[in-house]
């Protein structure tokens, strides 16, 4: 089965001013405080409009984050179409040592319904739980069935990614100021690997990839059969609302009587977005080498939403500097209040000689952040270093006071 679109396709972007994407990108990035980025709009016939701002050009590759998952989903469906994988078989039929629920099928894993949580621990039910580990396992499956390393399979069968410039890892924000992100490990031991978030693309690659979907080379309808309802999940919330269904690296949403298929990608230092609107014959990509997880990243996604709606011939609100300032102020006030709380707990612990108050509060907060974020501690620091440092200082204040009272 191939991508099916309505019989009458409208290519709205063909009639738009050629500076539209450039203007939207420049205005949006300026409001967010990001110095550089790239965007492209495609149809099944090719690139309609593209833009770059700052140091990025059309050949600058970035690590695209979780938008990588759609390539992994495409690889799995290709092998399934060839009869080499039965997606209704348990994943453990192919990977006996996979730490998923025993009855979790390949299809379940591709829908994030394998039991795996975001921190790679396993629950008892097949409820939707977004987890990089699901797609890292699918990458292992592709390697085992095809006999090729995952990236070699992608190069041969999905898209040829030949980059002549170094991959950039972007910039990460600390209290609103951007600093170069440290390159991170993408090996088989890492939380983020190529199948789940470590593939690198430039804007030309992304344009070619989305064009191949619109041209029918890959089947979105096939991938989204029995997609998992994921309403309200952080993986789905953001662009075009918080309701959607997940399958094979794509999120299906409905907007203004259109089915839109999208996925955002977030790694430390980079934020990306892929989107397809088949009945408008339009695809949109946004690549921004900047990561400000608690403030800037949601605004970058709002910029992506504006690009999607503009490509559809509708109006999308751009992020504003005022939104950024308000969000940053709220976060800074929250940091200050937390540190005041930590000092009060520490003072109480010392003054009343209650060591367990300081030590207990520190332990509860440390465990709570780890539990509710669902993210390994080292990656919390990479994604939100200011948040990590503020929490760490508060924990040390409380624990230190508790230890002092104990001694």
Protein backbone atom coordinates (compact mmCIF):
# COMPACT_ATOMS: atom_id res chain seq x y z
CA UNK A 1 0.00 0.00 0.00
CA UNK A 2 1.22 3.50 -0.84
CA UNK A 3 0.35 6.88 0.55
CA UNK A 4 -3.12 7.79 -0.63
CA UNK A 5 -4.11 11.40 -0.97
CA UNK A 6 -7.37 12.98 -1.97
CA UNK A 7 -8.01 13.00 -5.69
CA UNK A 8 -7.73 16.80 -5.82
CA UNK A 9 -4.44 17.96 -4.35
CA UNK A 10 -3.85 21.63 -3.64
CA UNK A 11 -0.27 22.83 -3.56
CA UNK A 12 -0.85 26.05 -1.67
CA UNK A 13 2.83 26.88 -1.29
CA UNK A 14 3.28 27.12 -5.06
CA UNK A 15 1.31 30.39 -5.09
CA UNK A 16 3.00 31.93 -2.05
CA UNK A 17 5.58 34.68 -2.00
CA UNK A 18 9.01 33.00 -2.22
CA UNK A 19 10.20 34.96 0.83
CA UNK A 20 7.44 33.58 3.05
CA UNK A 21 9.44 30.78 4.68
CA UNK A 22 12.49 33.02 4.99
CA UNK A 23 10.43 35.73 6.70
CA UNK A 24 8.70 33.31 9.07
CA UNK A 25 11.98 31.64 10.00
CA UNK A 26 13.83 34.93 10.59
CA UNK A 27 11.03 36.47 12.64
CA UNK A 28 10.42 33.32 14.69
CA UNK A 29 14.06 32.62 15.49
CA UNK A 30 14.65 36.25 16.43
CA UNK A 31 11.73 36.15 18.87
CA UNK A 32 12.97 32.91 20.40
CA UNK A 33 16.54 34.18 20.66
CA UNK A 34 18.03 31.48 18.44
CA UNK A 35 20.78 32.65 16.08
CA UNK A 36 20.45 30.03 13.36
CA UNK A 37 18.15 27.46 11.75
CA UNK A 38 16.78 26.07 8.49
CA UNK A 39 13.36 25.21 7.08
CA UNK A 40 11.98 23.71 3.89
CA UNK A 41 8.57 23.14 2.32
CA UNK A 42 8.18 20.36 -0.26
CA UNK A 43 5.55 18.74 -2.44
CA UNK A 44 5.69 15.41 -4.24
CA UNK A 45 7.38 17.26 -7.11
CA UNK A 46 10.23 18.76 -5.09
CA UNK A 47 11.20 21.77 -3.00
CA UNK A 48 8.77 24.68 -3.10
CA UNK A 49 10.49 27.02 -0.66
CA UNK A 50 13.41 26.86 1.73
CA UNK A 51 15.25 29.19 4.06
CA UNK A 52 18.33 29.36 6.24
CA UNK A 53 19.28 31.84 8.95
CA UNK A 54 22.68 32.46 10.50
CA UNK A 55 25.52 29.98 10.13
CA UNK A 56 23.40 27.12 8.78
CA UNK A 57 23.20 26.40 5.07
CA UNK A 58 21.43 23.73 3.06
CA UNK A 59 24.32 21.28 3.56
CA UNK A 60 24.77 21.66 7.33
CA UNK A 61 23.86 18.34 9.01
CA UNK A 62 22.47 18.21 12.53
CA UNK A 63 21.47 15.32 14.79
CA UNK A 64 17.70 15.27 14.21
CA UNK A 65 16.58 13.63 17.45
CA UNK A 66 13.37 11.63 17.62
CA UNK A 67 12.40 12.43 14.03
CA UNK A 68 14.91 9.61 13.41
CA UNK A 69 12.23 7.18 14.59
CA UNK A 70 10.27 7.52 11.34
CA UNK A 71 13.27 6.16 9.41
CA UNK A 72 13.40 3.20 11.77
CA UNK A 73 9.67 2.68 11.30
CA UNK A 74 10.15 2.79 7.53
CA UNK A 75 12.91 0.18 7.74
CA UNK A 76 10.71 -2.18 9.79
CA UNK A 77 7.75 -1.82 7.42
CA UNK A 78 10.00 -2.41 4.41
CA UNK A 79 11.24 -5.68 5.88
CA UNK A 80 7.68 -6.63 6.83
CA UNK A 81 6.47 -5.96 3.27
CA UNK A 82 9.22 -8.26 2.03
CA UNK A 83 7.96 -11.02 4.32
CA UNK A 84 11.12 -10.98 6.43
CA UNK A 85 9.37 -9.71 9.58
CA UNK A 86 5.94 -10.56 10.92
CA UNK A 87 5.00 -7.52 12.98
CA UNK A 88 2.37 -9.56 14.86
CA UNK A 89 5.04 -11.87 16.24
CA UNK A 90 6.44 -11.11 19.70
CA UNK A 91 9.65 -9.11 19.49
CA UNK A 92 11.31 -11.81 21.58
CA UNK A 93 10.70 -14.22 18.68
CA UNK A 94 13.45 -12.31 16.87
CA UNK A 95 15.36 -10.84 19.83
CA UNK A 96 15.11 -13.37 22.69
CA UNK A 97 16.95 -11.12 25.15
CA UNK A 98 14.81 -8.04 24.56
CA UNK A 99 13.57 -6.71 27.91
CA UNK A 100 9.92 -6.14 26.95
CA UNK A 101 6.65 -7.77 27.98
CA UNK A 102 6.63 -11.38 26.72
CA UNK A 103 3.57 -10.82 24.52
CA UNK A 104 4.73 -7.45 23.14
CA UNK A 105 4.74 -7.77 19.36
CA UNK A 106 6.95 -5.90 16.91
CA UNK A 107 3.85 -3.83 16.14
CA UNK A 108 3.45 -3.02 19.85
CA UNK A 109 7.06 -1.92 20.09
CA UNK A 110 6.64 0.40 17.07
CA UNK A 111 3.61 1.94 18.84
CA UNK A 112 5.44 2.33 22.20
CA UNK A 113 3.14 -0.28 23.75
CA UNK A 114 5.79 -2.81 24.74
CA UNK A 115 5.67 -2.12 28.48
CA UNK A 116 8.94 -0.17 28.37
CA UNK A 117 9.02 3.13 30.21
CA UNK A 118 11.06 6.13 29.13
CA UNK A 119 13.86 5.10 31.52
CA UNK A 120 13.95 1.61 29.91
CA UNK A 121 12.44 -0.17 32.91
CA UNK A 122 9.50 -2.43 32.13
CA UNK A 123 5.92 -2.03 33.36
CA UNK A 124 3.24 -4.73 33.52
CA UNK A 125 0.82 -3.39 30.92
CA UNK A 126 0.97 -2.44 27.26
CA UNK A 127 -0.23 1.11 27.80
CA UNK A 128 1.33 3.77 25.53
CA UNK A 129 4.63 4.81 27.08
CA UNK A 130 7.12 6.71 24.96
CA UNK A 131 10.56 5.14 25.21
CA UNK A 132 13.72 5.49 23.15
CA UNK A 133 14.51 1.89 24.03
CA UNK A 134 11.63 0.67 21.86
CA UNK A 135 13.24 2.11 18.75
CA UNK A 136 16.75 1.09 19.74
CA UNK A 137 15.38 -2.47 19.86
CA UNK A 138 13.75 -2.02 16.45
CA UNK A 139 17.14 -0.91 15.16
CA UNK A 140 18.63 -4.15 16.49
CA UNK A 141 15.82 -6.04 14.75
CA UNK A 142 16.59 -4.34 11.43
CA UNK A 143 20.26 -5.26 11.81
CA UNK A 144 19.51 -8.89 12.63
CA UNK A 145 17.02 -9.46 9.82
CA UNK A 146 18.85 -7.50 7.10
CA UNK A 147 22.36 -8.54 8.09
CA UNK A 148 23.47 -4.92 7.75
CA UNK A 149 24.46 -2.30 10.32
CA UNK A 150 21.45 -0.06 10.92
CA UNK A 151 22.86 3.05 9.27
CA UNK A 152 24.06 1.06 6.28
CA UNK A 153 20.53 -0.29 5.83
CA UNK A 154 19.16 3.26 5.98
CA UNK A 155 21.72 4.45 3.43
CA UNK A 156 20.95 1.65 1.00
CA UNK A 157 17.19 1.45 1.32
CA UNK A 158 15.72 4.69 2.67
CA UNK A 159 17.90 7.73 2.04
CA UNK A 160 21.49 8.31 1.04
CA UNK A 161 23.03 10.53 3.70
CA UNK A 162 26.37 11.64 2.31
CA UNK A 163 27.57 14.67 4.26
CA UNK A 164 30.59 16.72 3.26
CA UNK A 165 30.59 18.93 6.35
CA UNK A 166 30.87 17.85 10.01
CA UNK A 167 27.69 17.07 11.94
CA UNK A 168 26.93 19.81 14.43
CA UNK A 169 25.46 19.17 17.86
CA UNK A 170 24.07 22.68 18.21
CA UNK A 171 23.79 24.89 21.27
CA UNK A 172 22.24 24.32 24.67
CA UNK A 173 20.85 27.10 26.86
CA UNK A 174 21.87 27.96 30.41
CA UNK A 175 19.61 30.61 31.95
CA UNK A 176 18.71 31.80 28.48
CA UNK A 177 22.27 32.06 27.15
CA UNK A 178 23.40 29.59 24.47
CA UNK A 179 26.65 27.64 24.64
CA UNK A 180 27.99 24.96 22.26
CA UNK A 181 26.55 21.55 23.12
CA UNK A 182 29.00 18.81 23.97
CA UNK A 183 28.92 15.94 21.42
CA UNK A 184 27.29 12.93 23.03
CA UNK A 185 27.70 9.20 22.69
CA UNK A 186 25.46 7.49 20.09
CA UNK A 187 26.81 3.98 20.57
CA UNK A 188 24.79 0.86 21.40
CA UNK A 189 25.19 1.65 25.11
CA UNK A 190 23.70 5.12 24.87
CA UNK A 191 20.16 6.17 25.81
CA UNK A 192 19.95 7.89 22.41
CA UNK A 193 21.11 5.83 19.43
CA UNK A 194 20.61 6.34 15.66
CA UNK A 195 17.34 4.33 15.50
CA UNK A 196 15.77 6.39 18.30
CA UNK A 197 17.27 9.82 17.79
CA UNK A 198 20.85 9.88 16.52
CA UNK A 199 20.54 10.15 12.73
CA UNK A 200 22.02 13.29 11.18
CA UNK A 201 20.43 15.17 8.26
CA UNK A 202 20.76 18.48 6.53
CA UNK A 203 17.80 20.40 5.14
CA UNK A 204 18.29 18.91 1.66
CA UNK A 205 18.20 15.37 3.10
CA UNK A 206 15.02 16.16 4.99
CA UNK A 207 13.38 17.63 1.89
CA UNK A 208 14.20 14.52 -0.16
CA UNK A 209 12.97 12.25 2.63
CA UNK A 210 9.59 13.96 3.02
CA UNK A 211 9.19 14.22 -0.75
CA UNK A 212 9.56 10.44 -0.97
CA UNK A 213 6.57 10.03 1.35
CA UNK A 214 4.43 12.42 -0.66
CA UNK A 215 5.45 10.64 -3.86
CA UNK A 216 4.23 7.34 -2.40
CA UNK A 217 7.57 5.62 -1.79
CA UNK A 218 6.53 4.92 1.81
CA UNK A 219 3.05 4.22 3.15
CA UNK A 220 1.85 6.41 5.98
CA UNK A 221 -1.55 4.71 6.03
CA UNK A 222 0.13 1.32 6.36
CA UNK A 223 2.27 2.55 9.25
CA UNK A 224 -0.62 4.15 11.11
CA UNK A 225 -3.02 1.16 10.96
CA UNK A 226 -4.04 0.46 14.57
CA UNK A 227 -1.87 3.34 15.80
CA UNK A 228 -1.78 3.76 19.56
CA UNK A 229 -3.93 6.51 21.11
CA UNK A 230 -1.51 8.83 22.88
CA UNK A 231 -3.63 11.83 23.88
CA UNK A 232 -1.97 14.00 26.49
CA UNK A 233 1.42 12.31 26.30
CA UNK A 234 4.38 14.73 26.31
CA UNK A 235 5.52 12.93 23.15
CA UNK A 236 2.34 14.05 21.38
CA UNK A 237 1.59 17.40 23.04
CA UNK A 238 2.94 20.58 21.55
CA UNK A 239 2.51 21.01 17.82
CA UNK A 240 -1.17 21.21 16.80
CA UNK A 241 -2.56 20.20 20.18
CA UNK A 242 -2.22 17.31 22.59
CA UNK A 243 -4.28 14.63 20.84
CA UNK A 244 -2.85 12.09 18.45
CA UNK A 245 -2.12 8.48 17.56
CA UNK A 246 1.36 6.98 17.38
CA UNK A 247 2.78 4.39 15.02
CA UNK A 248 6.14 3.60 13.42
CA UNK A 249 7.77 6.93 14.18
CA UNK A 250 4.85 9.16 13.18
CA UNK A 251 2.12 10.93 15.14
CA UNK A 252 -1.21 11.26 13.36
CA UNK A 253 -3.26 14.35 14.22
CA UNK A 254 -6.43 15.86 12.84
CA UNK A 255 -6.61 19.57 12.18
CA UNK A 256 -9.29 21.45 10.25
CA UNK A 257 -10.50 18.24 8.53
CA UNK A 258 -6.94 17.31 7.50
CA UNK A 259 -4.84 14.40 8.66
CA UNK A 260 -1.38 15.61 9.54
CA UNK A 261 1.52 13.29 10.24
CA UNK A 262 4.36 14.73 12.26
CA UNK A 263 7.10 14.15 14.79
CA UNK A 264 9.34 16.51 16.69
CA UNK A 265 12.90 15.74 17.68
CA UNK A 266 14.77 16.95 20.73
CA UNK A 267 18.35 16.21 21.64
CA UNK A 268 20.64 18.43 23.72
CA UNK A 269 21.46 21.32 21.42
CA UNK A 270 19.00 20.61 18.57
CA UNK A 271 15.24 20.84 18.01
CA UNK A 272 13.61 19.50 14.82
CA UNK A 273 10.21 18.91 13.27
CA UNK A 274 8.97 16.79 10.35
CA UNK A 275 5.38 17.15 9.13
CA UNK A 276 3.35 15.78 6.21
CA UNK A 277 -0.09 16.84 4.99
CA UNK A 278 -0.80 14.32 2.20
CA UNK A 279 -4.13 15.75 1.03
CA UNK A 280 -2.43 19.10 0.51
CA UNK A 281 0.64 17.44 -1.01
CA UNK A 282 2.83 19.38 1.44
CA UNK A 283 5.68 18.49 3.75
CA UNK A 284 7.53 20.76 6.18
CA UNK A 285 10.85 20.40 7.97
CA UNK A 286 12.37 22.67 10.60
CA UNK A 287 15.93 22.17 11.86
CA UNK A 288 17.15 24.44 14.66
CA UNK A 289 20.53 23.71 16.29
CA UNK A 290 19.43 25.03 19.66
CA UNK A 291 18.04 23.32 22.73
CA UNK A 292 16.42 25.25 25.57
CA UNK A 293 14.21 22.47 26.85
CA UNK A 294 12.06 24.41 29.31
CA UNK A 295 11.67 27.70 27.43
CA UNK A 296 13.03 27.88 23.88
CA UNK A 297 12.15 24.38 22.67
CA UNK A 298 8.36 24.80 23.08
CA UNK A 299 8.62 28.10 21.20
CA UNK A 300 10.58 26.43 18.39
CA UNK A 301 7.75 23.91 18.13
CA UNK A 302 5.30 26.82 17.91
CA UNK A 303 7.39 28.19 15.04
CA UNK A 304 7.14 24.78 13.37
CA UNK A 305 3.37 24.82 13.80
CA UNK A 306 3.22 28.25 12.12
CA UNK A 307 5.21 26.89 9.17
CA UNK A 308 2.85 23.91 8.82
CA UNK A 309 -0.27 26.06 8.87
CA UNK A 310 1.22 28.56 6.43
CA UNK A 311 2.11 25.72 4.06
CA UNK A 312 -1.54 24.64 4.26
CA UNK A 313 -2.70 28.14 3.36
CA UNK A 314 -3.89 28.94 6.88
CA UNK A 315 -2.72 31.38 9.54
CA UNK A 316 -0.29 30.31 12.24
CA UNK A 317 0.79 32.46 15.18
CA UNK A 318 4.53 32.95 15.47
CA UNK A 319 6.27 32.85 18.84
CA UNK A 320 6.96 36.28 20.32
CA UNK A 321 9.74 37.76 22.40
CA UNK A 322 7.15 38.55 25.08
CA UNK A 323 6.31 34.83 25.38
CA UNK A 324 9.98 34.02 25.77
CA UNK A 325 10.52 36.70 28.42
CA UNK A 326 7.46 35.61 30.41
CA UNK A 327 8.45 31.93 30.27
CA UNK A 328 12.03 32.72 31.26
CA UNK A 329 10.90 34.97 34.13
CA UNK A 330 8.54 32.32 35.49
CA UNK A 331 11.28 29.70 35.36
CA UNK A 332 13.79 32.00 37.07
CA UNK A 333 11.31 32.84 39.83
CA UNK A 334 10.66 29.11 40.24
CA UNK A 335 14.38 28.47 40.59
CA UNK A 336 14.66 31.22 43.22
CA UNK A 337 11.69 29.92 45.22
CA UNK A 338 13.12 26.42 45.20
CA UNK A 339 16.46 27.63 46.52
CA UNK A 340 14.69 29.63 49.24
CA UNK A 341 12.76 26.49 50.17
CA UNK A 342 16.01 24.50 50.28
CA UNK A 343 17.62 27.06 52.59
CA UNK A 344 14.57 27.05 54.88
CA UNK A 345 14.66 23.25 55.08
CA UNK A 346 18.38 23.38 55.83
CA UNK A 347 17.95 26.05 58.50
CA UNK A 348 15.13 24.10 60.13
CA UNK A 349 17.20 20.93 60.12
CA UNK A 350 20.14 22.65 61.83
CA UNK A 351 18.17 24.88 64.23
CA UNK A 352 15.96 22.11 65.57
CA UNK A 353 18.60 19.40 65.26
CA UNK A 354 16.47 17.36 62.83
CA UNK A 355 18.95 15.74 60.45
CA UNK A 356 16.32 13.53 58.80
CA UNK A 357 14.39 16.60 57.63
CA UNK A 358 17.25 17.87 55.48
CA UNK A 359 18.45 14.46 54.34
CA UNK A 360 14.92 13.16 53.74
CA UNK A 361 13.81 16.18 51.69
CA UNK A 362 16.98 15.98 49.59
CA UNK A 363 16.41 12.27 48.91
CA UNK A 364 12.74 12.77 48.02
CA UNK A 365 13.48 15.59 45.58
CA UNK A 366 16.37 13.73 43.94
CA UNK A 367 14.27 10.61 43.50
CA UNK A 368 11.22 12.57 42.37
CA UNK A 369 13.07 14.42 39.63
CA UNK A 370 14.54 11.18 38.34
CA UNK A 371 11.19 9.36 38.51
CA UNK A 372 8.92 11.98 36.97
CA UNK A 373 11.32 13.04 34.24
CA UNK A 374 11.86 9.43 33.18
CA UNK A 375 15.29 10.54 32.00
CA UNK A 376 18.74 9.27 33.05
CA UNK A 377 20.44 11.79 35.33
CA UNK A 378 23.28 12.54 32.92
CA UNK A 379 20.77 13.38 30.21
CA UNK A 380 18.78 15.70 32.50
CA UNK A 381 21.99 17.71 32.78
CA UNK A 382 22.51 17.65 29.01
CA UNK A 383 18.95 18.73 28.18
CA UNK A 384 18.44 21.34 30.93
CA UNK A 385 21.75 22.21 32.62
CA UNK A 386 20.34 25.23 34.48
CA UNK A 387 17.50 23.13 35.93
CA UNK A 388 19.96 20.38 36.88
CA UNK A 389 22.35 22.79 38.61
CA UNK A 390 19.60 24.56 40.57
CA UNK A 391 18.14 21.24 41.75
CA UNK A 392 21.62 19.97 42.63
CA UNK A 393 22.46 23.08 44.67
CA UNK A 394 19.15 22.79 46.53
CA UNK A 395 19.69 19.11 47.25
CA UNK A 396 23.23 19.77 48.50
CA UNK A 397 22.00 22.58 50.76
CA UNK A 398 19.36 20.33 52.35
CA UNK A 399 21.51 17.23 52.59
CA UNK A 400 24.50 19.20 53.86
CA UNK A 401 22.44 20.82 56.58
CA UNK A 402 21.02 17.42 57.55
CA UNK A 403 24.50 15.93 57.82
CA UNK A 404 25.72 18.93 59.85
CA UNK A 405 22.78 18.52 62.26
CA UNK A 406 23.51 14.82 62.56
CA UNK A 407 27.18 15.40 63.35
